[in-house]
């Protein structure tokens, strides 16, 4: 199965799909050159497959590409950042 993640700006979220089946989301808010990553959800039955990590990675890469600073409001994204210090240069408010 192939994980595909896309930005759906009209819904303010990234969506993850496995072979065209929706399996997770990461909701965000963009304001004043910052993106707050507010909620990550992996749908029932798809946990433990790296989907949340894929969503976090995609969101951070997208923020870097768009030259946005990241506000990690989501507990999962905060935990992800603990093990990915190379991304701390674009993060604000990480304690």
PDB file of N, CA and C in Angstrom:
ATOM      1  N   UNK A   1       0.838  -1.183   0.000  1.00  0.00           N
ATOM      2  CA  UNK A   1       0.000   0.000   0.000  1.00  0.00           C
ATOM      3  C   UNK A   1       0.880   1.243   0.000  1.00  0.00           C
ATOM      4  N   UNK A   2       0.452   2.245  -0.723  1.00  0.00           N
ATOM      5  CA  UNK A   2       1.238   3.454  -0.888  1.00  0.00           C
ATOM      6  C   UNK A   2       0.583   4.624  -0.152  1.00  0.00           C
ATOM      7  N   UNK A   3       1.337   5.252   0.756  1.00  0.00           N
ATOM      8  CA  UNK A   3       0.840   6.401   1.493  1.00  0.00           C
ATOM      9  C   UNK A   3       1.008   7.658   0.645  1.00  0.00           C
ATOM     10  N   UNK A   4      -0.089   8.381   0.458  1.00  0.00           N
ATOM     11  CA  UNK A   4      -0.084   9.639  -0.279  1.00  0.00           C
ATOM     12  C   UNK A   4      -0.677  10.701   0.637  1.00  0.00           C
ATOM     13  N   UNK A   5       0.033  11.825   0.764  1.00  0.00           N
ATOM     14  CA  UNK A   5      -0.438  12.932   1.592  1.00  0.00           C
ATOM     15  C   UNK A   5      -0.576  14.158   0.715  1.00  0.00           C
ATOM     16  N   UNK A   6      -1.710  14.840   0.854  1.00  0.00           N
ATOM     17  CA  UNK A   6      -1.979  16.032   0.057  1.00  0.00           C
ATOM     18  C   UNK A   6      -2.450  17.154   0.962  1.00  0.00           C
ATOM     19  N   UNK A   7      -2.193  18.378   0.532  1.00  0.00           N
ATOM     20  CA  UNK A   7      -2.703  19.560   1.217  1.00  0.00           C
ATOM     21  C   UNK A   7      -4.083  19.850   0.649  1.00  0.00           C
ATOM     22  N   UNK A   8      -5.042  20.076   1.532  1.00  0.00           N
ATOM     23  CA  UNK A   8      -6.397  20.455   1.126  1.00  0.00           C
ATOM     24  C   UNK A   8      -6.674  21.816   1.781  1.00  0.00           C
ATOM     25  N   UNK A   9      -6.170  22.896   1.165  1.00  0.00           N
ATOM     26  CA  UNK A   9      -6.236  24.213   1.807  1.00  0.00           C
ATOM     27  C   UNK A   9      -7.656  24.699   2.087  1.00  0.00           C
ATOM     28  N   UNK A  10      -8.618  24.328   1.272  1.00  0.00           N
ATOM     29  CA  UNK A  10      -9.992  24.774   1.518  1.00  0.00           C
ATOM     30  C   UNK A  10     -10.577  24.147   2.789  1.00  0.00           C
ATOM     31  N   UNK A  11      -9.952  23.088   3.287  1.00  0.00           N
ATOM     32  CA  UNK A  11     -10.375  22.456   4.544  1.00  0.00           C
ATOM     33  C   UNK A  11      -9.335  22.671   5.649  1.00  0.00           C
ATOM     34  N   UNK A  12      -8.269  23.403   5.332  1.00  0.00           N
ATOM     35  CA  UNK A  12      -7.174  23.699   6.278  1.00  0.00           C
ATOM     36  C   UNK A  12      -6.626  22.433   6.921  1.00  0.00           C
ATOM     37  N   UNK A  13      -6.279  21.474   6.055  1.00  0.00           N
ATOM     38  CA  UNK A  13      -5.710  20.237   6.581  1.00  0.00           C
ATOM     39  C   UNK A  13      -4.954  19.470   5.508  1.00  0.00           C
ATOM     40  N   UNK A  14      -4.059  18.631   6.006  1.00  0.00           N
ATOM     41  CA  UNK A  14      -3.390  17.661   5.161  1.00  0.00           C
ATOM     42  C   UNK A  14      -4.166  16.358   5.310  1.00  0.00           C
ATOM     43  N   UNK A  15      -4.306  15.634   4.220  1.00  0.00           N
ATOM     44  CA  UNK A  15      -5.029  14.370   4.252  1.00  0.00           C
ATOM     45  C   UNK A  15      -4.115  13.251   3.786  1.00  0.00           C
ATOM     46  N   UNK A  16      -4.153  12.150   4.528  1.00  0.00           N
ATOM     47  CA  UNK A  16      -3.358  10.971   4.183  1.00  0.00           C
ATOM     48  C   UNK A  16      -4.285   9.900   3.618  1.00  0.00           C
ATOM     49  N   UNK A  17      -3.801   9.241   2.549  1.00  0.00           N
ATOM     50  CA  UNK A  17      -4.569   8.170   1.912  1.00  0.00           C
ATOM     51  C   UNK A  17      -3.651   6.973   1.672  1.00  0.00           C
ATOM     52  N   UNK A  18      -4.183   5.797   1.875  1.00  0.00           N
ATOM     53  CA  UNK A  18      -3.522   4.553   1.482  1.00  0.00           C
ATOM     54  C   UNK A  18      -4.341   3.966   0.348  1.00  0.00           C
ATOM     55  N   UNK A  19      -3.738   3.928  -0.836  1.00  0.00           N
ATOM     56  CA  UNK A  19      -4.450   3.425  -2.016  1.00  0.00           C
ATOM     57  C   UNK A  19      -5.856   4.020  -2.128  1.00  0.00           C
ATOM     58  N   UNK A  20      -5.931   5.346  -2.089  1.00  0.00           N
ATOM     59  CA  UNK A  20      -7.174   6.117  -2.243  1.00  0.00           C
ATOM     60  C   UNK A  20      -8.159   5.996  -1.082  1.00  0.00           C
ATOM     61  N   UNK A  21      -7.776   5.353   0.001  1.00  0.00           N
ATOM     62  CA  UNK A  21      -8.629   5.258   1.185  1.00  0.00           C
ATOM     63  C   UNK A  21      -8.151   6.299   2.199  1.00  0.00           C
ATOM     64  N   UNK A  22      -9.028   7.217   2.649  1.00  0.00           N
ATOM     65  CA  UNK A  22      -8.613   8.201   3.661  1.00  0.00           C
ATOM     66  C   UNK A  22      -8.246   7.492   4.972  1.00  0.00           C
ATOM     67  N   UNK A  23      -7.059   7.824   5.505  1.00  0.00           N
ATOM     68  CA  UNK A  23      -6.587   7.147   6.714  1.00  0.00           C
ATOM     69  C   UNK A  23      -6.166   8.107   7.820  1.00  0.00           C
ATOM     70  N   UNK A  24      -6.092   9.406   7.535  1.00  0.00           N
ATOM     71  CA  UNK A  24      -5.696  10.342   8.571  1.00  0.00           C
ATOM     72  C   UNK A  24      -5.676  11.772   8.088  1.00  0.00           C
ATOM     73  N   UNK A  25      -5.613  12.683   9.073  1.00  0.00           N
ATOM     74  CA  UNK A  25      -5.574  14.119   8.776  1.00  0.00           C
ATOM     75  C   UNK A  25      -4.650  14.827   9.752  1.00  0.00           C
ATOM     76  N   UNK A  26      -4.168  15.986   9.339  1.00  0.00           N
ATOM     77  CA  UNK A  26      -3.478  16.911  10.235  1.00  0.00           C
ATOM     78  C   UNK A  26      -4.061  18.290   9.930  1.00  0.00           C
ATOM     79  N   UNK A  27      -4.784  18.849  10.882  1.00  0.00           N
ATOM     80  CA  UNK A  27      -5.423  20.152  10.703  1.00  0.00           C
ATOM     81  C   UNK A  27      -4.450  21.272  11.042  1.00  0.00           C
ATOM     82  N   UNK A  28      -4.585  22.386  10.335  1.00  0.00           N
ATOM     83  CA  UNK A  28      -3.685  23.520  10.553  1.00  0.00           C
ATOM     84  C   UNK A  28      -4.414  24.844  10.396  1.00  0.00           C
ATOM     85  N   UNK A  29      -3.766  25.895  10.897  1.00  0.00           N
ATOM     86  CA  UNK A  29      -4.242  27.270  10.729  1.00  0.00           C
ATOM     87  C   UNK A  29      -3.048  28.090  10.279  1.00  0.00           C
ATOM     88  N   UNK A  30      -3.199  28.804   9.169  1.00  0.00           N
ATOM     89  CA  UNK A  30      -2.138  29.685   8.667  1.00  0.00           C
ATOM     90  C   UNK A  30      -2.534  31.122   8.969  1.00  0.00           C
ATOM     91  N   UNK A  31      -1.594  31.838   9.593  1.00  0.00           N
ATOM     92  CA  UNK A  31      -1.838  33.242   9.923  1.00  0.00           C
ATOM     93  C   UNK A  31      -0.497  33.949  10.064  1.00  0.00           C
ATOM     94  N   UNK A  32      -0.355  35.070   9.399  1.00  0.00           N
ATOM     95  CA  UNK A  32       0.835  35.920   9.495  1.00  0.00           C
ATOM     96  C   UNK A  32       2.146  35.150   9.370  1.00  0.00           C
ATOM     97  N   UNK A  33       2.312  34.462   8.277  1.00  0.00           N
ATOM     98  CA  UNK A  33       3.543  33.730   7.962  1.00  0.00           C
ATOM     99  C   UNK A  33       3.889  32.653   8.974  1.00  0.00           C
ATOM    100  N   UNK A  34       2.863  32.161   9.649  1.00  0.00           N
ATOM    101  CA  UNK A  34       3.028  31.050  10.582  1.00  0.00           C
ATOM    102  C   UNK A  34       1.938  30.019  10.312  1.00  0.00           C
ATOM    103  N   UNK A  35       2.265  28.782  10.594  1.00  0.00           N
ATOM    104  CA  UNK A  35       1.275  27.721  10.504  1.00  0.00           C
ATOM    105  C   UNK A  35       1.221  27.005  11.842  1.00  0.00           C
ATOM    106  N   UNK A  36       0.033  26.972  12.423  1.00  0.00           N
ATOM    107  CA  UNK A  36      -0.178  26.224  13.663  1.00  0.00           C
ATOM    108  C   UNK A  36      -0.666  24.837  13.265  1.00  0.00           C
ATOM    109  N   UNK A  37       0.062  23.813  13.688  1.00  0.00           N
ATOM    110  CA  UNK A  37      -0.341  22.433  13.451  1.00  0.00           C
ATOM    111  C   UNK A  37      -1.137  22.019  14.686  1.00  0.00           C
ATOM    112  N   UNK A  38      -2.464  21.894  14.524  1.00  0.00           N
ATOM    113  CA  UNK A  38      -3.340  21.840  15.695  1.00  0.00           C
ATOM    114  C   UNK A  38      -3.898  20.468  16.055  1.00  0.00           C
ATOM    115  N   UNK A  39      -4.037  19.569  15.099  1.00  0.00           N
ATOM    116  CA  UNK A  39      -4.656  18.279  15.438  1.00  0.00           C
ATOM    117  C   UNK A  39      -4.281  17.227  14.407  1.00  0.00           C
ATOM    118  N   UNK A  40      -3.718  16.129  14.904  1.00  0.00           N
ATOM    119  CA  UNK A  40      -3.402  14.982  14.052  1.00  0.00           C
ATOM    120  C   UNK A  40      -4.323  13.843  14.454  1.00  0.00           C
ATOM    121  N   UNK A  41      -4.903  13.200  13.454  1.00  0.00           N
ATOM    122  CA  UNK A  41      -5.788  12.067  13.716  1.00  0.00           C
ATOM    123  C   UNK A  41      -5.539  10.976  12.687  1.00  0.00           C
ATOM    124  N   UNK A  42      -5.313   9.770  13.174  1.00  0.00           N
ATOM    125  CA  UNK A  42      -5.224   8.596  12.311  1.00  0.00           C
ATOM    126  C   UNK A  42      -6.498   7.799  12.555  1.00  0.00           C
ATOM    127  N   UNK A  43      -7.171   7.440  11.485  1.00  0.00           N
ATOM    128  CA  UNK A  43      -8.467   6.788  11.608  1.00  0.00           C
ATOM    129  C   UNK A  43      -8.336   5.363  12.134  1.00  0.00           C
ATOM    130  N   UNK A  44      -9.389   4.922  12.812  1.00  0.00           N
ATOM    131  CA  UNK A  44      -9.419   3.591  13.434  1.00  0.00           C
ATOM    132  C   UNK A  44      -9.042   2.509  12.414  1.00  0.00           C
ATOM    133  N   UNK A  45      -8.185   1.620  12.877  1.00  0.00           N
ATOM    134  CA  UNK A  45      -7.740   0.514  12.043  1.00  0.00           C
ATOM    135  C   UNK A  45      -6.463   0.790  11.275  1.00  0.00           C
ATOM    136  N   UNK A  46      -5.989   2.032  11.322  1.00  0.00           N
ATOM    137  CA  UNK A  46      -4.786   2.396  10.567  1.00  0.00           C
ATOM    138  C   UNK A  46      -3.646   2.865  11.477  1.00  0.00           C
ATOM    139  N   UNK A  47      -3.845   2.772  12.787  1.00  0.00           N
ATOM    140  CA  UNK A  47      -2.809   3.176  13.733  1.00  0.00           C
ATOM    141  C   UNK A  47      -1.596   2.258  13.599  1.00  0.00           C
ATOM    142  N   UNK A  48      -0.437   2.788  13.983  1.00  0.00           N
ATOM    143  CA  UNK A  48       0.776   1.984  14.012  1.00  0.00           C
ATOM    144  C   UNK A  48       1.423   1.730  12.663  1.00  0.00           C
ATOM    145  N   UNK A  49       1.039   2.481  11.660  1.00  0.00           N
ATOM    146  CA  UNK A  49       1.598   2.299  10.314  1.00  0.00           C
ATOM    147  C   UNK A  49       2.463   3.476   9.863  1.00  0.00           C
ATOM    148  N   UNK A  50       2.751   4.394  10.780  1.00  0.00           N
ATOM    149  CA  UNK A  50       3.588   5.537  10.434  1.00  0.00           C
ATOM    150  C   UNK A  50       2.838   6.663   9.751  1.00  0.00           C
ATOM    151  N   UNK A  51       1.520   6.618   9.794  1.00  0.00           N
ATOM    152  CA  UNK A  51       0.718   7.638   9.100  1.00  0.00           C
ATOM    153  C   UNK A  51       0.845   8.996   9.784  1.00  0.00           C
ATOM    154  N   UNK A  52       0.768   9.030  11.111  1.00  0.00           N
ATOM    155  CA  UNK A  52       0.913  10.306  11.830  1.00  0.00           C
ATOM    156  C   UNK A  52       2.290  10.911  11.582  1.00  0.00           C
ATOM    157  N   UNK A  53       3.319  10.071  11.592  1.00  0.00           N
ATOM    158  CA  UNK A  53       4.674  10.565  11.304  1.00  0.00           C
ATOM    159  C   UNK A  53       4.761  11.100   9.887  1.00  0.00           C
ATOM    160  N   UNK A  54       4.131  10.419   8.959  1.00  0.00           N
ATOM    161  CA  UNK A  54       4.122  10.890   7.572  1.00  0.00           C
ATOM    162  C   UNK A  54       3.431  12.233   7.441  1.00  0.00           C
ATOM    163  N   UNK A  55       2.321  12.398   8.147  1.00  0.00           N
ATOM    164  CA  UNK A  55       1.618  13.682   8.129  1.00  0.00           C
ATOM    165  C   UNK A  55       2.474  14.793   8.731  1.00  0.00           C
ATOM    166  N   UNK A  56       3.116  14.517   9.868  1.00  0.00           N
ATOM    167  CA  UNK A  56       3.973  15.519  10.498  1.00  0.00           C
ATOM    168  C   UNK A  56       5.133  15.896   9.585  1.00  0.00           C
ATOM    169  N   UNK A  57       5.774  14.913   8.993  1.00  0.00           N
ATOM    170  CA  UNK A  57       6.896  15.172   8.097  1.00  0.00           C
ATOM    171  C   UNK A  57       6.454  16.018   6.908  1.00  0.00           C
ATOM    172  N   UNK A  58       5.319  15.671   6.311  1.00  0.00           N
ATOM    173  CA  UNK A  58       4.794  16.412   5.170  1.00  0.00           C
ATOM    174  C   UNK A  58       4.503  17.854   5.563  1.00  0.00           C
ATOM    175  N   UNK A  59       3.874  18.055   6.727  1.00  0.00           N
ATOM    176  CA  UNK A  59       3.526  19.402   7.190  1.00  0.00           C
ATOM    177  C   UNK A  59       4.773  20.247   7.418  1.00  0.00           C
ATOM    178  N   UNK A  60       5.782  19.675   8.046  1.00  0.00           N
ATOM    179  CA  UNK A  60       7.022  20.416   8.296  1.00  0.00           C
ATOM    180  C   UNK A  60       7.742  20.755   6.994  1.00  0.00           C
ATOM    181  N   UNK A  61       7.795  19.801   6.077  1.00  0.00           N
ATOM    182  CA  UNK A  61       8.425  20.068   4.780  1.00  0.00           C
ATOM    183  C   UNK A  61       7.659  21.136   4.003  1.00  0.00           C
ATOM    184  N   UNK A  62       6.330  21.088   4.080  1.00  0.00           N
ATOM    185  CA  UNK A  62       5.506  22.081   3.387  1.00  0.00           C
ATOM    186  C   UNK A  62       5.725  23.461   3.997  1.00  0.00           C
ATOM    187  N   UNK A  63       5.792  23.545   5.320  1.00  0.00           N
ATOM    188  CA  UNK A  63       6.044  24.832   5.983  1.00  0.00           C
ATOM    189  C   UNK A  63       7.397  25.392   5.565  1.00  0.00           C
ATOM    190  N   UNK A  64       8.398  24.543   5.520  1.00  0.00           N
ATOM    191  CA  UNK A  64       9.735  24.989   5.101  1.00  0.00           C
ATOM    192  C   UNK A  64       9.697  25.491   3.653  1.00  0.00           C
ATOM    193  N   UNK A  65       9.035  24.747   2.788  1.00  0.00           N
ATOM    194  CA  UNK A  65       8.938  25.130   1.371  1.00  0.00           C
ATOM    195  C   UNK A  65       8.229  26.480   1.216  1.00  0.00           C
ATOM    196  N   UNK A  66       7.215  26.709   2.039  1.00  0.00           N
ATOM    197  CA  UNK A  66       6.423  27.938   1.961  1.00  0.00           C
ATOM    198  C   UNK A  66       7.005  29.064   2.823  1.00  0.00           C
ATOM    199  N   UNK A  67       8.153  28.794   3.478  1.00  0.00           N
ATOM    200  CA  UNK A  67       8.831  29.752   4.343  1.00  0.00           C
ATOM    201  C   UNK A  67       7.925  30.230   5.478  1.00  0.00           C
ATOM    202  N   UNK A  68       7.209  29.288   6.087  1.00  0.00           N
ATOM    203  CA  UNK A  68       6.353  29.564   7.230  1.00  0.00           C
ATOM    204  C   UNK A  68       7.033  29.070   8.502  1.00  0.00           C
ATOM    205  N   UNK A  69       6.821  29.762   9.592  1.00  0.00           N
ATOM    206  CA  UNK A  69       7.253  29.294  10.901  1.00  0.00           C
ATOM    207  C   UNK A  69       6.159  28.370  11.433  1.00  0.00           C
ATOM    208  N   UNK A  70       6.542  27.375  12.210  1.00  0.00           N
ATOM    209  CA  UNK A  70       5.613  26.359  12.696  1.00  0.00           C
ATOM    210  C   UNK A  70       5.335  26.555  14.184  1.00  0.00           C
ATOM    211  N   UNK A  71       4.060  26.541  14.525  1.00  0.00           N
ATOM    212  CA  UNK A  71       3.623  26.539  15.915  1.00  0.00           C
ATOM    213  C   UNK A  71       3.038  25.146  16.172  1.00  0.00           C
ATOM    214  N   UNK A  72       3.736  24.319  16.925  1.00  0.00           N
ATOM    215  CA  UNK A  72       3.272  22.948  17.152  1.00  0.00           C
ATOM    216  C   UNK A  72       2.271  22.867  18.307  1.00  0.00           C
ATOM    217  N   UNK A  73       0.996  23.067  18.011  1.00  0.00           N
ATOM    218  CA  UNK A  73      -0.047  22.995  19.030  1.00  0.00           C
ATOM    219  C   UNK A  73      -0.500  21.563  19.296  1.00  0.00           C
ATOM    220  N   UNK A  74      -0.353  20.704  18.320  1.00  0.00           N
ATOM    221  CA  UNK A  74      -0.773  19.307  18.424  1.00  0.00           C
ATOM    222  C   UNK A  74       0.220  18.509  19.280  1.00  0.00           C
ATOM    223  N   UNK A  75      -0.267  17.770  20.274  1.00  0.00           N
ATOM    224  CA  UNK A  75       0.644  16.959  21.099  1.00  0.00           C
ATOM    225  C   UNK A  75       1.483  15.968  20.289  1.00  0.00           C
ATOM    226  N   UNK A  76       0.905  15.375  19.255  1.00  0.00           N
ATOM    227  CA  UNK A  76       1.691  14.429  18.464  1.00  0.00           C
ATOM    228  C   UNK A  76       2.841  15.141  17.756  1.00  0.00           C
ATOM    229  N   UNK A  77       2.558  16.287  17.152  1.00  0.00           N
ATOM    230  CA  UNK A  77       3.602  17.028  16.437  1.00  0.00           C
ATOM    231  C   UNK A  77       4.710  17.441  17.408  1.00  0.00           C
ATOM    232  N   UNK A  78       4.346  17.832  18.623  1.00  0.00           N
ATOM    233  CA  UNK A  78       5.357  18.171  19.626  1.00  0.00           C
ATOM    234  C   UNK A  78       6.264  16.974  19.911  1.00  0.00           C
ATOM    235  N   UNK A  79       5.662  15.796  20.083  1.00  0.00           N
ATOM    236  CA  UNK A  79       6.469  14.587  20.324  1.00  0.00           C
ATOM    237  C   UNK A  79       7.341  14.256  19.119  1.00  0.00           C
ATOM    238  N   UNK A  80       6.802  14.428  17.923  1.00  0.00           N
ATOM    239  CA  UNK A  80       7.565  14.168  16.704  1.00  0.00           C
ATOM    240  C   UNK A  80       8.799  15.071  16.661  1.00  0.00           C
ATOM    241  N   UNK A  81       8.619  16.325  17.005  1.00  0.00           N
ATOM    242  CA  UNK A  81       9.722  17.285  16.974  1.00  0.00           C
ATOM    243  C   UNK A  81      10.807  16.973  18.001  1.00  0.00           C
ATOM    244  N   UNK A  82      10.451  16.306  19.088  1.00  0.00           N
ATOM    245  CA  UNK A  82      11.452  15.914  20.076  1.00  0.00           C
ATOM    246  C   UNK A  82      12.524  15.012  19.479  1.00  0.00           C
ATOM    247  N   UNK A  83      12.155  14.224  18.494  1.00  0.00           N
ATOM    248  CA  UNK A  83      13.110  13.298  17.865  1.00  0.00           C
ATOM    249  C   UNK A  83      13.586  13.783  16.494  1.00  0.00           C
ATOM    250  N   UNK A  84      13.223  15.004  16.139  1.00  0.00           N
ATOM    251  CA  UNK A  84      13.642  15.581  14.858  1.00  0.00           C
ATOM    252  C   UNK A  84      14.156  16.999  15.068  1.00  0.00           C
ATOM    253  N   UNK A  85      15.272  17.135  15.787  1.00  0.00           N
ATOM    254  CA  UNK A  85      15.790  18.470  16.109  1.00  0.00           C
ATOM    255  C   UNK A  85      16.206  19.289  14.889  1.00  0.00           C
ATOM    256  N   UNK A  86      16.442  18.664  13.767  1.00  0.00           N
ATOM    257  CA  UNK A  86      16.822  19.414  12.565  1.00  0.00           C
ATOM    258  C   UNK A  86      15.702  20.346  12.100  1.00  0.00           C
ATOM    259  N   UNK A  87      14.493  20.106  12.573  1.00  0.00           N
ATOM    260  CA  UNK A  87      13.360  20.954  12.186  1.00  0.00           C
ATOM    261  C   UNK A  87      13.131  22.104  13.146  1.00  0.00           C
ATOM    262  N   UNK A  88      13.868  22.162  14.240  1.00  0.00           N
ATOM    263  CA  UNK A  88      13.636  23.194  15.250  1.00  0.00           C
ATOM    264  C   UNK A  88      13.900  24.606  14.731  1.00  0.00           C
ATOM    265  N   UNK A  89      14.652  24.739  13.659  1.00  0.00           N
ATOM    266  CA  UNK A  89      14.951  26.084  13.132  1.00  0.00           C
ATOM    267  C   UNK A  89      13.733  26.792  12.576  1.00  0.00           C
ATOM    268  N   UNK A  90      12.652  26.057  12.256  1.00  0.00           N
ATOM    269  CA  UNK A  90      11.443  26.709  11.732  1.00  0.00           C
ATOM    270  C   UNK A  90      10.317  26.715  12.762  1.00  0.00           C
ATOM    271  N   UNK A  91      10.600  26.238  13.979  1.00  0.00           N
ATOM    272  CA  UNK A  91       9.571  26.097  15.010  1.00  0.00           C
ATOM    273  C   UNK A  91       9.631  27.250  15.994  1.00  0.00           C
ATOM    274  N   UNK A  92       8.449  27.739  16.375  1.00  0.00           N
ATOM    275  CA  UNK A  92       8.330  28.740  17.426  1.00  0.00           C
ATOM    276  C   UNK A  92       7.448  28.171  18.523  1.00  0.00           C
ATOM    277  N   UNK A  93       7.740  28.556  19.751  1.00  0.00           N
ATOM    278  CA  UNK A  93       6.902  28.143  20.866  1.00  0.00           C
ATOM    279  C   UNK A  93       7.082  26.704  21.306  1.00  0.00           C
ATOM    280  N   UNK A  94       8.190  26.101  20.987  1.00  0.00           N
ATOM    281  CA  UNK A  94       8.444  24.728  21.419  1.00  0.00           C
ATOM    282  C   UNK A  94       9.137  24.789  22.781  1.00  0.00           C
ATOM    283  N   UNK A  95       8.500  24.170  23.773  1.00  0.00           N
ATOM    284  CA  UNK A  95       9.103  24.216  25.120  1.00  0.00           C
ATOM    285  C   UNK A  95       9.534  22.850  25.559  1.00  0.00           C
TER     286      UNK A  95
END
